Amino acid sequence: MRSLIMNIRNKQNPQLRSKLLNGDIPASKLVTMSNAELAPDKLKEMMATLHQKNLFDAQGAVQKRAVTDRFVCGKCKQREVSYYQMQTRSADEPLTTFCTCEKCGNRWKFC
């Protein structure tokens, strides 16, 4: 109830008040509307933009992989292999190298 009253009284939301006064929004629909539906158009645009930005940020960082011919795939014997290195154990241990064959998709790792 409080949310409904605040959205109707909001000075930045004249569209909602005019729709209510003109009868474009019936009372039965008004009481079931969510906060997103009651929000002003400007706020809806900001929420959509923020949602798109959050989706983009949620994708996360992609590991940078280098393609080389130094490694041989154990499955298809091709030399087109991408790899990246990551510290998976303590700092005094060597890096772990993760390899992926670009031809068959075979994956392996070694230290």
PDB file of N, CA and C in Angstrom:
ATOM      1  N   MET A   1       0.830  -1.195   0.000  1.00  0.00           N
ATOM      2  CA  MET A   1       0.000   0.000   0.000  1.00  0.00           C
ATOM      3  C   MET A   1       0.871   1.254   0.000  1.00  0.00           C
ATOM      4  N   ARG A   2       1.913   1.221   0.848  1.00  0.00           N
ATOM      5  CA  ARG A   2       2.816   2.372   0.952  1.00  0.00           C
ATOM      6  C   ARG A   2       3.502   2.642  -0.392  1.00  0.00           C
ATOM      7  N   SER A   3       3.941   1.590  -1.051  1.00  0.00           N
ATOM      8  CA  SER A   3       4.607   1.735  -2.347  1.00  0.00           C
ATOM      9  C   SER A   3       3.650   2.342  -3.378  1.00  0.00           C
ATOM     10  N   LEU A   4       2.419   1.898  -3.369  1.00  0.00           N
ATOM     11  CA  LEU A   4       1.417   2.421  -4.291  1.00  0.00           C
ATOM     12  C   LEU A   4       1.187   3.913  -4.073  1.00  0.00           C
ATOM     13  N   ILE A   5       1.041   4.315  -2.816  1.00  0.00           N
ATOM     14  CA  ILE A   5       0.826   5.735  -2.493  1.00  0.00           C
ATOM     15  C   ILE A   5       2.036   6.577  -2.883  1.00  0.00           C
ATOM     16  N   MET A   6       3.243   6.070  -2.588  1.00  0.00           N
ATOM     17  CA  MET A   6       4.456   6.831  -2.925  1.00  0.00           C
ATOM     18  C   MET A   6       4.602   7.004  -4.437  1.00  0.00           C
ATOM     19  N   ASN A   7       4.259   5.989  -5.207  1.00  0.00           N
ATOM     20  CA  ASN A   7       4.350   6.104  -6.660  1.00  0.00           C
ATOM     21  C   ASN A   7       3.308   7.064  -7.215  1.00  0.00           C
ATOM     22  N   ILE A   8       2.133   7.099  -6.639  1.00  0.00           N
ATOM     23  CA  ILE A   8       1.106   8.034  -7.103  1.00  0.00           C
ATOM     24  C   ILE A   8       1.481   9.467  -6.747  1.00  0.00           C
ATOM     25  N   ARG A   9       2.066   9.682  -5.571  1.00  0.00           N
ATOM     26  CA  ARG A   9       2.445  11.028  -5.129  1.00  0.00           C
ATOM     27  C   ARG A   9       3.750  11.543  -5.757  1.00  0.00           C
ATOM     28  N   ASN A  10       4.518  10.661  -6.350  1.00  0.00           N
ATOM     29  CA  ASN A  10       5.818  11.024  -6.909  1.00  0.00           C
ATOM     30  C   ASN A  10       5.658  12.117  -7.971  1.00  0.00           C
ATOM     31  N   LYS A  11       6.322  13.258  -7.747  1.00  0.00           N
ATOM     32  CA  LYS A  11       6.230  14.392  -8.681  1.00  0.00           C
ATOM     33  C   LYS A  11       6.890  14.086 -10.028  1.00  0.00           C
ATOM     34  N   GLN A  12       7.785  13.125 -10.048  1.00  0.00           N
ATOM     35  CA  GLN A  12       8.470  12.760 -11.289  1.00  0.00           C
ATOM     36  C   GLN A  12       7.684  11.706 -12.084  1.00  0.00           C
ATOM     37  N   ASN A  13       6.479  11.393 -11.625  1.00  0.00           N
ATOM     38  CA  ASN A  13       5.667  10.383 -12.282  1.00  0.00           C
ATOM     39  C   ASN A  13       4.278  10.923 -12.637  1.00  0.00           C
ATOM     40  N   PRO A  14       4.200  12.010 -13.428  1.00  0.00           N
ATOM     41  CA  PRO A  14       2.885  12.552 -13.774  1.00  0.00           C
ATOM     42  C   PRO A  14       2.097  11.636 -14.721  1.00  0.00           C
ATOM     43  N   GLN A  15       2.789  10.761 -15.445  1.00  0.00           N
ATOM     44  CA  GLN A  15       2.096   9.862 -16.372  1.00  0.00           C
ATOM     45  C   GLN A  15       1.156   8.920 -15.613  1.00  0.00           C
ATOM     46  N   LEU A  16       1.606   8.416 -14.465  1.00  0.00           N
ATOM     47  CA  LEU A  16       0.779   7.498 -13.689  1.00  0.00           C
ATOM     48  C   LEU A  16      -0.481   8.197 -13.191  1.00  0.00           C
ATOM     49  N   ARG A  17      -0.321   9.413 -12.672  1.00  0.00           N
ATOM     50  CA  ARG A  17      -1.487  10.157 -12.176  1.00  0.00           C
ATOM     51  C   ARG A  17      -2.473  10.464 -13.298  1.00  0.00           C
ATOM     52  N   SER A  18      -1.958  10.873 -14.453  1.00  0.00           N
ATOM     53  CA  SER A  18      -2.863  11.204 -15.560  1.00  0.00           C
ATOM     54  C   SER A  18      -3.586   9.953 -16.075  1.00  0.00           C
ATOM     55  N   LYS A  19      -2.904   8.817 -16.096  1.00  0.00           N
ATOM     56  CA  LYS A  19      -3.552   7.577 -16.529  1.00  0.00           C
ATOM     57  C   LYS A  19      -4.634   7.160 -15.544  1.00  0.00           C
ATOM     58  N   LEU A  20      -4.379   7.390 -14.257  1.00  0.00           N
ATOM     59  CA  LEU A  20      -5.389   7.068 -13.250  1.00  0.00           C
ATOM     60  C   LEU A  20      -6.609   7.966 -13.385  1.00  0.00           C
ATOM     61  N   LEU A  21      -6.384   9.269 -13.562  1.00  0.00           N
ATOM     62  CA  LEU A  21      -7.488  10.220 -13.659  1.00  0.00           C
ATOM     63  C   LEU A  21      -8.297  10.036 -14.939  1.00  0.00           C
ATOM     64  N   ASN A  22      -7.643   9.665 -16.024  1.00  0.00           N
ATOM     65  CA  ASN A  22      -8.341   9.451 -17.297  1.00  0.00           C
ATOM     66  C   ASN A  22      -9.052   8.103 -17.345  1.00  0.00           C
ATOM     67  N   GLY A  23      -8.736   7.217 -16.411  1.00  0.00           N
ATOM     68  CA  GLY A  23      -9.358   5.899 -16.407  1.00  0.00           C
ATOM     69  C   GLY A  23      -8.647   4.889 -17.278  1.00  0.00           C
ATOM     70  N   ASP A  24      -7.431   5.222 -17.739  1.00  0.00           N
ATOM     71  CA  ASP A  24      -6.667   4.285 -18.561  1.00  0.00           C
ATOM     72  C   ASP A  24      -6.219   3.065 -17.746  1.00  0.00           C
ATOM     73  N   ILE A  25      -6.002   3.267 -16.455  1.00  0.00           N
ATOM     74  CA  ILE A  25      -5.631   2.168 -15.557  1.00  0.00           C
ATOM     75  C   ILE A  25      -6.798   1.942 -14.601  1.00  0.00           C
ATOM     76  N   PRO A  26      -7.477   0.821 -14.708  1.00  0.00           N
ATOM     77  CA  PRO A  26      -8.587   0.552 -13.782  1.00  0.00           C
ATOM     78  C   PRO A  26      -8.047   0.231 -12.384  1.00  0.00           C
ATOM     79  N   ALA A  27      -8.876   0.436 -11.384  1.00  0.00           N
ATOM     80  CA  ALA A  27      -8.472   0.207  -9.991  1.00  0.00           C
ATOM     81  C   ALA A  27      -8.091  -1.247  -9.758  1.00  0.00           C
ATOM     82  N   SER A  28      -8.761  -2.166 -10.418  1.00  0.00           N
ATOM     83  CA  SER A  28      -8.440  -3.584 -10.232  1.00  0.00           C
ATOM     84  C   SER A  28      -7.024  -3.911 -10.723  1.00  0.00           C
ATOM     85  N   LYS A  29      -6.580  -3.224 -11.759  1.00  0.00           N
ATOM     86  CA  LYS A  29      -5.224  -3.451 -12.263  1.00  0.00           C
ATOM     87  C   LYS A  29      -4.210  -2.698 -11.409  1.00  0.00           C
ATOM     88  N   LEU A  30      -4.582  -1.526 -10.920  1.00  0.00           N
ATOM     89  CA  LEU A  30      -3.672  -0.696 -10.138  1.00  0.00           C
ATOM     90  C   LEU A  30      -3.170  -1.424  -8.891  1.00  0.00           C
ATOM     91  N   VAL A  31      -4.040  -2.123  -8.211  1.00  0.00           N
ATOM     92  CA  VAL A  31      -3.646  -2.780  -6.967  1.00  0.00           C
ATOM     93  C   VAL A  31      -2.767  -4.004  -7.203  1.00  0.00           C
ATOM     94  N   THR A  32      -2.728  -4.520  -8.419  1.00  0.00           N
ATOM     95  CA  THR A  32      -1.881  -5.680  -8.716  1.00  0.00           C
ATOM     96  C   THR A  32      -0.608  -5.323  -9.457  1.00  0.00           C
ATOM     97  N   MET A  33      -0.389  -4.047  -9.776  1.00  0.00           N
ATOM     98  CA  MET A  33       0.799  -3.621 -10.513  1.00  0.00           C
ATOM     99  C   MET A  33       2.032  -3.692  -9.623  1.00  0.00           C
ATOM    100  N   SER A  34       3.165  -4.095 -10.217  1.00  0.00           N
ATOM    101  CA  SER A  34       4.428  -4.169  -9.482  1.00  0.00           C
ATOM    102  C   SER A  34       5.069  -2.784  -9.430  1.00  0.00           C
ATOM    103  N   ASN A  35       6.107  -2.659  -8.613  1.00  0.00           N
ATOM    104  CA  ASN A  35       6.825  -1.382  -8.525  1.00  0.00           C
ATOM    105  C   ASN A  35       7.435  -0.987  -9.861  1.00  0.00           C
ATOM    106  N   ALA A  36       7.904  -1.960 -10.622  1.00  0.00           N
ATOM    107  CA  ALA A  36       8.487  -1.667 -11.930  1.00  0.00           C
ATOM    108  C   ALA A  36       7.437  -1.098 -12.887  1.00  0.00           C
ATOM    109  N   GLU A  37       6.214  -1.594 -12.803  1.00  0.00           N
ATOM    110  CA  GLU A  37       5.142  -1.087 -13.669  1.00  0.00           C
ATOM    111  C   GLU A  37       4.685   0.307 -13.239  1.00  0.00           C
ATOM    112  N   LEU A  38       4.774   0.600 -11.945  1.00  0.00           N
ATOM    113  CA  LEU A  38       4.354   1.900 -11.431  1.00  0.00           C
ATOM    114  C   LEU A  38       5.421   2.979 -11.608  1.00  0.00           C
ATOM    115  N   ALA A  39       6.643   2.591 -11.841  1.00  0.00           N
ATOM    116  CA  ALA A  39       7.763   3.535 -11.905  1.00  0.00           C
ATOM    117  C   ALA A  39       7.617   4.496 -13.080  1.00  0.00           C
ATOM    118  N   PRO A  40       8.220   5.696 -12.940  1.00  0.00           N
ATOM    119  CA  PRO A  40       8.217   6.653 -14.058  1.00  0.00           C
ATOM    120  C   PRO A  40       9.023   6.107 -15.245  1.00  0.00           C
ATOM    121  N   ASP A  41       8.727   6.615 -16.431  1.00  0.00           N
ATOM    122  CA  ASP A  41       9.401   6.145 -17.643  1.00  0.00           C
ATOM    123  C   ASP A  41      10.905   6.337 -17.566  1.00  0.00           C
ATOM    124  N   LYS A  42      11.345   7.462 -17.001  1.00  0.00           N
ATOM    125  CA  LYS A  42      12.778   7.742 -16.897  1.00  0.00           C
ATOM    126  C   LYS A  42      13.461   6.699 -16.013  1.00  0.00           C
ATOM    127  N   LEU A  43      12.818   6.326 -14.920  1.00  0.00           N
ATOM    128  CA  LEU A  43      13.368   5.315 -14.024  1.00  0.00           C
ATOM    129  C   LEU A  43      13.372   3.941 -14.688  1.00  0.00           C
ATOM    130  N   LYS A  44      12.358   3.651 -15.492  1.00  0.00           N
ATOM    131  CA  LYS A  44      12.311   2.384 -16.220  1.00  0.00           C
ATOM    132  C   LYS A  44      13.482   2.278 -17.186  1.00  0.00           C
ATOM    133  N   GLU A  45      13.796   3.386 -17.869  1.00  0.00           N
ATOM    134  CA  GLU A  45      14.929   3.395 -18.795  1.00  0.00           C
ATOM    135  C   GLU A  45      16.233   3.183 -18.046  1.00  0.00           C
ATOM    136  N   MET A  46      16.375   3.857 -16.888  1.00  0.00           N
ATOM    137  CA  MET A  46      17.591   3.696 -16.094  1.00  0.00           C
ATOM    138  C   MET A  46      17.729   2.260 -15.597  1.00  0.00           C
ATOM    139  N   MET A  47      16.628   1.648 -15.187  1.00  0.00           N
ATOM    140  CA  MET A  47      16.664   0.262 -14.707  1.00  0.00           C
ATOM    141  C   MET A  47      17.030  -0.690 -15.841  1.00  0.00           C
ATOM    142  N   ALA A  48      16.520  -0.448 -17.044  1.00  0.00           N
ATOM    143  CA  ALA A  48      16.844  -1.301 -18.191  1.00  0.00           C
ATOM    144  C   ALA A  48      18.323  -1.169 -18.553  1.00  0.00           C
ATOM    145  N   THR A  49      18.837   0.056 -18.520  1.00  0.00           N
ATOM    146  CA  THR A  49      20.248   0.284 -18.809  1.00  0.00           C
ATOM    147  C   THR A  49      21.126  -0.404 -17.771  1.00  0.00           C
ATOM    148  N   LEU A  50      20.756  -0.268 -16.511  1.00  0.00           N
ATOM    149  CA  LEU A  50      21.508  -0.904 -15.429  1.00  0.00           C
ATOM    150  C   LEU A  50      21.454  -2.419 -15.550  1.00  0.00           C
ATOM    151  N   HIS A  51      20.310  -2.951 -15.937  1.00  0.00           N
ATOM    152  CA  HIS A  51      20.168  -4.396 -16.126  1.00  0.00           C
ATOM    153  C   HIS A  51      21.099  -4.889 -17.235  1.00  0.00           C
ATOM    154  N   GLN A  52      21.150  -4.163 -18.358  1.00  0.00           N
ATOM    155  CA  GLN A  52      22.042  -4.549 -19.455  1.00  0.00           C
ATOM    156  C   GLN A  52      23.505  -4.478 -19.028  1.00  0.00           C
ATOM    157  N   LYS A  53      23.855  -3.436 -18.275  1.00  0.00           N
ATOM    158  CA  LYS A  53      25.232  -3.292 -17.788  1.00  0.00           C
ATOM    159  C   LYS A  53      25.591  -4.435 -16.850  1.00  0.00           C
ATOM    160  N   ASN A  54      24.667  -4.806 -15.961  1.00  0.00           N
ATOM    161  CA  ASN A  54      24.923  -5.907 -15.036  1.00  0.00           C
ATOM    162  C   ASN A  54      25.081  -7.230 -15.766  1.00  0.00           C
ATOM    163  N   LEU A  55      24.291  -7.437 -16.827  1.00  0.00           N
ATOM    164  CA  LEU A  55      24.443  -8.657 -17.618  1.00  0.00           C
ATOM    165  C   LEU A  55      25.807  -8.707 -18.289  1.00  0.00           C
ATOM    166  N   PHE A  56      26.252  -7.556 -18.800  1.00  0.00           N
ATOM    167  CA  PHE A  56      27.557  -7.490 -19.439  1.00  0.00           C
ATOM    168  C   PHE A  56      28.664  -7.750 -18.428  1.00  0.00           C
ATOM    169  N   ASP A  57      28.549  -7.133 -17.233  1.00  0.00           N
ATOM    170  CA  ASP A  57      29.569  -7.310 -16.199  1.00  0.00           C
ATOM    171  C   ASP A  57      29.567  -8.730 -15.650  1.00  0.00           C
ATOM    172  N   ALA A  58      28.428  -9.385 -15.638  1.00  0.00           N
ATOM    173  CA  ALA A  58      28.331 -10.736 -15.092  1.00  0.00           C
ATOM    174  C   ALA A  58      29.009 -11.762 -15.985  1.00  0.00           C
ATOM    175  N   GLN A  59      29.245 -11.425 -17.218  1.00  0.00           N
ATOM    176  CA  GLN A  59      29.902 -12.373 -18.108  1.00  0.00           C
ATOM    177  C   GLN A  59      31.321 -12.664 -17.644  1.00  0.00           C
ATOM    178  N   GLY A  60      31.924 -11.718 -16.939  1.00  0.00           N
ATOM    179  CA  GLY A  60      33.236 -11.954 -16.356  1.00  0.00           C
ATOM    180  C   GLY A  60      34.359 -11.872 -17.362  1.00  0.00           C
ATOM    181  N   ALA A  61      35.527 -11.997 -16.815  1.00  0.00           N
ATOM    182  CA  ALA A  61      36.725 -11.919 -17.634  1.00  0.00           C
ATOM    183  C   ALA A  61      36.968 -13.251 -18.332  1.00  0.00           C
ATOM    184  N   VAL A  62      37.436 -13.178 -19.534  1.00  0.00           N
ATOM    185  CA  VAL A  62      37.765 -14.362 -20.308  1.00  0.00           C
ATOM    186  C   VAL A  62      39.275 -14.535 -20.278  1.00  0.00           C
ATOM    187  N   GLN A  63      39.709 -15.759 -20.064  1.00  0.00           N
ATOM    188  CA  GLN A  63      41.135 -16.019 -20.035  1.00  0.00           C
ATOM    189  C   GLN A  63      41.748 -15.713 -21.396  1.00  0.00           C
ATOM    190  N   LYS A  64      42.858 -15.012 -21.371  1.00  0.00           N
ATOM    191  CA  LYS A  64      43.595 -14.718 -22.594  1.00  0.00           C
ATOM    192  C   LYS A  64      44.367 -15.976 -22.970  1.00  0.00           C
ATOM    193  N   ARG A  65      44.125 -16.483 -24.166  1.00  0.00           N
ATOM    194  CA  ARG A  65      44.777 -17.711 -24.602  1.00  0.00           C
ATOM    195  C   ARG A  65      45.643 -17.427 -25.818  1.00  0.00           C
ATOM    196  N   ALA A  66      46.804 -18.022 -25.824  1.00  0.00           N
ATOM    197  CA  ALA A  66      47.720 -17.884 -26.952  1.00  0.00           C
ATOM    198  C   ALA A  66      47.694 -19.181 -27.759  1.00  0.00           C
ATOM    199  N   VAL A  67      47.793 -19.070 -29.073  1.00  0.00           N
ATOM    200  CA  VAL A  67      47.829 -20.250 -29.937  1.00  0.00           C
ATOM    201  C   VAL A  67      49.271 -20.457 -30.380  1.00  0.00           C
ATOM    202  N   THR A  68      49.736 -21.697 -30.256  1.00  0.00           N
ATOM    203  CA  THR A  68      51.119 -22.001 -30.596  1.00  0.00           C
ATOM    204  C   THR A  68      51.209 -23.360 -31.281  1.00  0.00           C
ATOM    205  N   ASP A  69      52.382 -23.643 -31.836  1.00  0.00           N
ATOM    206  CA  ASP A  69      52.641 -24.961 -32.436  1.00  0.00           C
ATOM    207  C   ASP A  69      53.649 -25.747 -31.601  1.00  0.00           C
ATOM    208  N   ARG A  70      53.934 -25.284 -30.390  1.00  0.00           N
ATOM    209  CA  ARG A  70      54.900 -25.957 -29.520  1.00  0.00           C
ATOM    210  C   ARG A  70      54.347 -27.220 -28.890  1.00  0.00           C
ATOM    211  N   PHE A  71      53.035 -27.315 -28.720  1.00  0.00           N
ATOM    212  CA  PHE A  71      52.420 -28.472 -28.091  1.00  0.00           C
ATOM    213  C   PHE A  71      51.754 -29.330 -29.150  1.00  0.00           C
ATOM    214  N   VAL A  72      51.728 -30.629 -28.898  1.00  0.00           N
ATOM    215  CA  VAL A  72      51.090 -31.575 -29.813  1.00  0.00           C
ATOM    216  C   VAL A  72      49.897 -32.181 -29.090  1.00  0.00           C
ATOM    217  N   CYS A  73      48.752 -32.190 -29.743  1.00  0.00           N
ATOM    218  CA  CYS A  73      47.547 -32.800 -29.177  1.00  0.00           C
ATOM    219  C   CYS A  73      47.743 -34.312 -29.115  1.00  0.00           C
ATOM    220  N   GLY A  74      47.467 -34.897 -27.962  1.00  0.00           N
ATOM    221  CA  GLY A  74      47.617 -36.337 -27.802  1.00  0.00           C
ATOM    222  C   GLY A  74      46.532 -37.131 -28.498  1.00  0.00           C
ATOM    223  N   LYS A  75      45.455 -36.480 -28.861  1.00  0.00           N
ATOM    224  CA  LYS A  75      44.325 -37.176 -29.474  1.00  0.00           C
ATOM    225  C   LYS A  75      44.419 -37.178 -31.001  1.00  0.00           C
ATOM    226  N   CYS A  76      44.585 -35.984 -31.599  1.00  0.00           N
ATOM    227  CA  CYS A  76      44.581 -35.899 -33.064  1.00  0.00           C
ATOM    228  C   CYS A  76      45.963 -35.592 -33.654  1.00  0.00           C
ATOM    229  N   LYS A  77      46.960 -35.402 -32.787  1.00  0.00           N
ATOM    230  CA  LYS A  77      48.360 -35.157 -33.182  1.00  0.00           C
ATOM    231  C   LYS A  77      48.572 -33.857 -33.968  1.00  0.00           C
ATOM    232  N   GLN A  78      47.617 -32.922 -33.869  1.00  0.00           N
ATOM    233  CA  GLN A  78      47.767 -31.627 -34.520  1.00  0.00           C
ATOM    234  C   GLN A  78      48.596 -30.705 -33.634  1.00  0.00           C
ATOM    235  N   ARG A  79      49.176 -29.669 -34.237  1.00  0.00           N
ATOM    236  CA  ARG A  79      50.033 -28.748 -33.497  1.00  0.00           C
ATOM    237  C   ARG A  79      49.390 -27.366 -33.313  1.00  0.00           C
ATOM    238  N   GLU A  80      48.100 -27.237 -33.524  1.00  0.00           N
ATOM    239  CA  GLU A  80      47.408 -25.959 -33.323  1.00  0.00           C
ATOM    240  C   GLU A  80      46.718 -26.006 -31.959  1.00  0.00           C
ATOM    241  N   VAL A  81      47.441 -25.549 -30.942  1.00  0.00           N
ATOM    242  CA  VAL A  81      46.995 -25.669 -29.561  1.00  0.00           C
ATOM    243  C   VAL A  81      46.994 -24.286 -28.907  1.00  0.00           C
ATOM    244  N   SER A  82      45.912 -23.949 -28.231  1.00  0.00           N
ATOM    245  CA  SER A  82      45.868 -22.713 -27.454  1.00  0.00           C
ATOM    246  C   SER A  82      46.126 -23.067 -25.998  1.00  0.00           C
ATOM    247  N   TYR A  83      46.714 -22.119 -25.257  1.00  0.00           N
ATOM    248  CA  TYR A  83      47.045 -22.400 -23.868  1.00  0.00           C
ATOM    249  C   TYR A  83      46.989 -21.132 -23.036  1.00  0.00           C
ATOM    250  N   TYR A  84      46.847 -21.313 -21.737  1.00  0.00           N
ATOM    251  CA  TYR A  84      46.992 -20.230 -20.775  1.00  0.00           C
ATOM    252  C   TYR A  84      47.571 -20.819 -19.508  1.00  0.00           C
ATOM    253  N   GLN A  85      48.189 -19.971 -18.714  1.00  0.00           N
ATOM    254  CA  GLN A  85      48.826 -20.425 -17.488  1.00  0.00           C
ATOM    255  C   GLN A  85      48.182 -19.762 -16.286  1.00  0.00           C
ATOM    256  N   MET A  86      48.113 -20.541 -15.168  1.00  0.00           N
ATOM    257  CA  MET A  86      47.493 -20.030 -13.961  1.00  0.00           C
ATOM    258  C   MET A  86      48.222 -20.617 -12.752  1.00  0.00           C
ATOM    259  N   GLN A  87      48.341 -19.801 -11.715  1.00  0.00           N
ATOM    260  CA  GLN A  87      48.937 -20.277 -10.472  1.00  0.00           C
ATOM    261  C   GLN A  87      47.862 -21.013  -9.677  1.00  0.00           C
ATOM    262  N   THR A  88      47.933 -22.337  -9.643  1.00  0.00           N
ATOM    263  CA  THR A  88      46.897 -23.129  -8.968  1.00  0.00           C
ATOM    264  C   THR A  88      47.364 -23.680  -7.632  1.00  0.00           C
ATOM    265  N   ARG A  89      48.654 -23.642  -7.389  1.00  0.00           N
ATOM    266  CA  ARG A  89      49.181 -24.161  -6.127  1.00  0.00           C
ATOM    267  C   ARG A  89      49.930 -23.041  -5.413  1.00  0.00           C
ATOM    268  N   SER A  90      50.754 -23.372  -4.461  1.00  0.00           N
ATOM    269  CA  SER A  90      51.461 -22.336  -3.698  1.00  0.00           C
ATOM    270  C   SER A  90      52.432 -21.573  -4.595  1.00  0.00           C
ATOM    271  N   ALA A  91      52.877 -20.444  -4.109  1.00  0.00           N
ATOM    272  CA  ALA A  91      53.691 -19.533  -4.919  1.00  0.00           C
ATOM    273  C   ALA A  91      55.052 -20.111  -5.274  1.00  0.00           C
ATOM    274  N   ASP A  92      55.571 -21.051  -4.468  1.00  0.00           N
ATOM    275  CA  ASP A  92      56.887 -21.606  -4.778  1.00  0.00           C
ATOM    276  C   ASP A  92      56.809 -22.780  -5.759  1.00  0.00           C
ATOM    277  N   GLU A  93      55.610 -23.131  -6.215  1.00  0.00           N
ATOM    278  CA  GLU A  93      55.419 -24.181  -7.213  1.00  0.00           C
ATOM    279  C   GLU A  93      55.296 -23.534  -8.600  1.00  0.00           C
ATOM    280  N   PRO A  94      55.577 -24.294  -9.672  1.00  0.00           N
ATOM    281  CA  PRO A  94      55.462 -23.710 -11.021  1.00  0.00           C
ATOM    282  C   PRO A  94      54.002 -23.486 -11.423  1.00  0.00           C
ATOM    283  N   LEU A  95      53.810 -22.676 -12.458  1.00  0.00           N
ATOM    284  CA  LEU A  95      52.478 -22.417 -12.989  1.00  0.00           C
ATOM    285  C   LEU A  95      51.909 -23.680 -13.631  1.00  0.00           C
ATOM    286  N   THR A  96      50.596 -23.803 -13.632  1.00  0.00           N
ATOM    287  CA  THR A  96      49.927 -24.892 -14.338  1.00  0.00           C
ATOM    288  C   THR A  96      49.525 -24.373 -15.709  1.00  0.00           C
ATOM    289  N   THR A  97      49.835 -25.126 -16.748  1.00  0.00           N
ATOM    290  CA  THR A  97      49.503 -24.743 -18.113  1.00  0.00           C
ATOM    291  C   THR A  97      48.295 -25.549 -18.566  1.00  0.00           C
ATOM    292  N   PHE A  98      47.257 -24.857 -19.013  1.00  0.00           N
ATOM    293  CA  PHE A  98      46.034 -25.482 -19.511  1.00  0.00           C
ATOM    294  C   PHE A  98      46.032 -25.371 -21.027  1.00  0.00           C
ATOM    295  N   CYS A  99      45.909 -26.515 -21.711  1.00  0.00           N
ATOM    296  CA  CYS A  99      45.969 -26.541 -23.179  1.00  0.00           C
ATOM    297  C   CYS A  99      44.643 -27.014 -23.764  1.00  0.00           C
ATOM    298  N   THR A 100      44.312 -26.476 -24.946  1.00  0.00           N
ATOM    299  CA  THR A 100      43.123 -26.891 -25.689  1.00  0.00           C
ATOM    300  C   THR A 100      43.492 -27.002 -27.154  1.00  0.00           C
ATOM    301  N   CYS A 101      43.207 -28.141 -27.743  1.00  0.00           N
ATOM    302  CA  CYS A 101      43.456 -28.325 -29.172  1.00  0.00           C
ATOM    303  C   CYS A 101      42.399 -27.543 -29.940  1.00  0.00           C
ATOM    304  N   GLU A 102      42.825 -26.733 -30.871  1.00  0.00           N
ATOM    305  CA  GLU A 102      41.906 -25.920 -31.664  1.00  0.00           C
ATOM    306  C   GLU A 102      41.175 -26.747 -32.723  1.00  0.00           C
ATOM    307  N   LYS A 103      41.700 -27.906 -33.051  1.00  0.00           N
ATOM    308  CA  LYS A 103      41.087 -28.748 -34.083  1.00  0.00           C
ATOM    309  C   LYS A 103      40.002 -29.664 -33.511  1.00  0.00           C
ATOM    310  N   CYS A 104      40.348 -30.420 -32.453  1.00  0.00           N
ATOM    311  CA  CYS A 104      39.392 -31.412 -31.940  1.00  0.00           C
ATOM    312  C   CYS A 104      38.793 -31.033 -30.596  1.00  0.00           C
ATOM    313  N   GLY A 105      39.315 -30.008 -29.927  1.00  0.00           N
ATOM    314  CA  GLY A 105      38.753 -29.570 -28.651  1.00  0.00           C
ATOM    315  C   GLY A 105      39.282 -30.333 -27.449  1.00  0.00           C
ATOM    316  N   ASN A 106      40.225 -31.227 -27.649  1.00  0.00           N
ATOM    317  CA  ASN A 106      40.811 -31.979 -26.538  1.00  0.00           C
ATOM    318  C   ASN A 106      41.480 -31.017 -25.561  1.00  0.00           C
ATOM    319  N   ARG A 107      41.291 -31.281 -24.241  1.00  0.00           N
ATOM    320  CA  ARG A 107      41.869 -30.399 -23.213  1.00  0.00           C
ATOM    321  C   ARG A 107      42.743 -31.214 -22.281  1.00  0.00           C
ATOM    322  N   TRP A 108      43.868 -30.609 -21.852  1.00  0.00           N
ATOM    323  CA  TRP A 108      44.742 -31.232 -20.875  1.00  0.00           C
ATOM    324  C   TRP A 108      45.507 -30.142 -20.149  1.00  0.00           C
ATOM    325  N   LYS A 109      46.182 -30.555 -19.073  1.00  0.00           N
ATOM    326  CA  LYS A 109      46.982 -29.613 -18.299  1.00  0.00           C
ATOM    327  C   LYS A 109      48.264 -30.290 -17.864  1.00  0.00           C
ATOM    328  N   PHE A 110      49.259 -29.453 -17.591  1.00  0.00           N
ATOM    329  CA  PHE A 110      50.510 -29.956 -17.038  1.00  0.00           C
ATOM    330  C   PHE A 110      51.178 -28.844 -16.243  1.00  0.00           C
ATOM    331  N   CYS A 111      52.102 -29.252 -15.383  1.00  0.00           N
ATOM    332  CA  CYS A 111      52.786 -28.271 -14.518  1.00  0.00           C
ATOM    333  C   CYS A 111      54.167 -27.971 -15.028  1.00  0.00           C
TER     334      CYS A 111
END
